Amino acid sequence: MSYLAQSQLTNDLDFQSRSSSAAVEQAAQPQNAGSVADRVKRGDAEVTATFARLAAAGPGIADKADNGDGTIDQAKVTDADLLSLTQANWPVVVALYPEPAP
């Protein structure tokens, strides 16, 4: 895996937007109710960026996007990849942004 490709994915605006869209779709699911879902639905940039960073670091994702010449093509990461990554990373993000104390 290339850390350069991972970094490029993390900073790619299209990848960020697609990852954010996957997070918003998952935030609307009843099983994901809570603070993180609310923050995603409100467009919290910190939380949605966390999903993109984790997705870029997902197993095989940077390799998939890597063109082998120092560039990436984020479109090589499918919507199905992003959905799986978002679902798998949901509990990780919830742990990073716990519910506020009452």
Protein backbone atom coordinates (compact mmCIF):
# COMPACT_ATOMS: atom_id res chain seq x y z
CA MET A 1 0.00 0.00 0.00
CA SER A 2 1.16 3.50 -0.78
CA TYR A 3 0.75 6.06 1.95
CA LEU A 4 0.94 8.66 -0.82
CA ALA A 5 -2.14 7.14 -2.47
CA GLN A 6 -3.91 7.04 0.89
CA SER A 7 -3.07 10.69 1.52
CA GLN A 8 -4.19 11.67 -1.97
CA LEU A 9 -7.50 9.87 -1.47
CA THR A 10 -8.01 11.58 1.88
CA ASN A 11 -7.52 14.97 0.22
CA ASP A 12 -9.45 14.26 -2.98
CA LEU A 13 -12.59 16.43 -3.06
CA ASP A 14 -14.62 13.91 -5.05
CA PHE A 15 -13.64 11.10 -2.67
CA GLN A 16 -14.52 13.30 0.32
CA SER A 17 -17.90 14.14 -1.21
CA ARG A 18 -18.68 10.52 -2.02
CA SER A 19 -17.64 9.39 1.45
CA SER A 20 -19.79 12.13 2.99
CA SER A 21 -22.76 11.00 0.90
CA ALA A 22 -22.32 7.43 2.10
CA ALA A 23 -22.16 8.67 5.71
CA VAL A 24 -25.33 10.76 5.26
CA GLU A 25 -27.15 7.77 3.78
CA GLN A 26 -26.07 5.63 6.74
CA ALA A 27 -26.95 8.38 9.23
CA ALA A 28 -30.54 8.12 8.04
CA GLN A 29 -30.70 4.43 9.00
CA PRO A 30 -32.61 3.78 12.26
CA GLN A 31 -29.87 1.53 13.66
CA ASN A 32 -27.42 4.45 13.46
CA ALA A 33 -29.45 6.96 15.46
CA GLY A 34 -27.46 9.06 17.89
CA SER A 35 -25.02 11.91 18.17
CA VAL A 36 -22.80 10.89 15.25
CA ALA A 37 -25.78 10.41 12.95
CA ASP A 38 -27.13 13.82 13.96
CA ARG A 39 -23.76 15.47 13.37
CA VAL A 40 -23.43 13.84 9.96
CA LYS A 41 -26.93 14.93 8.97
CA ARG A 42 -26.09 18.50 10.05
CA GLY A 43 -23.00 18.44 7.84
CA ASP A 44 -20.40 18.42 10.62
CA ALA A 45 -17.17 18.68 8.62
CA GLU A 46 -15.02 17.14 11.35
CA VAL A 47 -17.10 13.97 11.55
CA THR A 48 -17.54 13.56 7.80
CA ALA A 49 -13.80 14.10 7.29
CA THR A 50 -13.19 11.32 9.80
CA PHE A 51 -15.24 8.94 7.68
CA ALA A 52 -13.22 9.93 4.57
CA ARG A 53 -9.87 9.48 6.38
CA LEU A 54 -10.88 6.05 7.64
CA ALA A 55 -12.23 5.03 4.24
CA ALA A 56 -8.97 6.05 2.54
CA ALA A 57 -7.12 3.88 5.05
CA GLY A 58 -9.43 0.90 4.50
CA PRO A 59 -7.93 -2.44 3.50
CA GLY A 60 -6.84 -2.37 -0.13
CA ILE A 61 -8.54 0.95 -0.91
CA ALA A 62 -5.40 3.02 -1.53
CA ASP A 63 -3.99 0.20 -3.66
CA LYS A 64 -7.22 0.08 -5.65
CA ALA A 65 -7.09 3.82 -6.39
CA ASP A 66 -3.33 3.95 -7.03
CA ASN A 67 -2.44 4.43 -10.70
CA GLY A 68 1.15 3.33 -10.04
CA ASP A 69 2.60 6.61 -11.26
CA GLY A 70 2.17 8.79 -8.19
CA THR A 71 -1.44 9.63 -9.00
CA ILE A 72 -4.77 8.16 -7.96
CA ASP A 73 -8.17 7.70 -9.51
CA GLN A 74 -10.75 7.88 -6.75
CA ALA A 75 -13.39 6.55 -9.16
CA LYS A 76 -11.74 3.12 -8.89
CA VAL A 77 -13.19 2.97 -5.38
CA THR A 78 -16.77 1.84 -5.97
CA ASP A 79 -19.89 3.03 -4.19
CA ALA A 80 -20.17 -0.48 -2.78
CA ASP A 81 -16.65 -0.10 -1.34
CA LEU A 82 -17.62 3.19 0.28
CA LEU A 83 -20.83 1.75 1.70
CA SER A 84 -18.97 -1.20 3.23
CA LEU A 85 -16.25 1.05 4.63
CA THR A 86 -18.78 3.47 6.11
CA GLN A 87 -20.75 0.67 7.73
CA ALA A 88 -17.58 -0.93 9.12
CA ASN A 89 -16.23 2.40 10.36
CA TRP A 90 -19.49 3.58 11.94
CA PRO A 91 -18.73 2.11 15.41
CA VAL A 92 -15.17 3.46 15.23
CA VAL A 93 -16.46 6.99 14.61
CA VAL A 94 -19.11 6.61 17.33
CA ALA A 95 -16.31 5.70 19.76
CA LEU A 96 -14.35 8.80 18.71
CA TYR A 97 -17.36 11.10 19.14
CA PRO A 98 -19.31 9.68 22.10
CA GLU A 99 -22.75 10.86 23.15
CA PRO A 100 -22.59 14.05 25.23
CA ALA A 101 -23.07 13.63 28.95
CA PRO A 102 -26.61 14.45 30.12
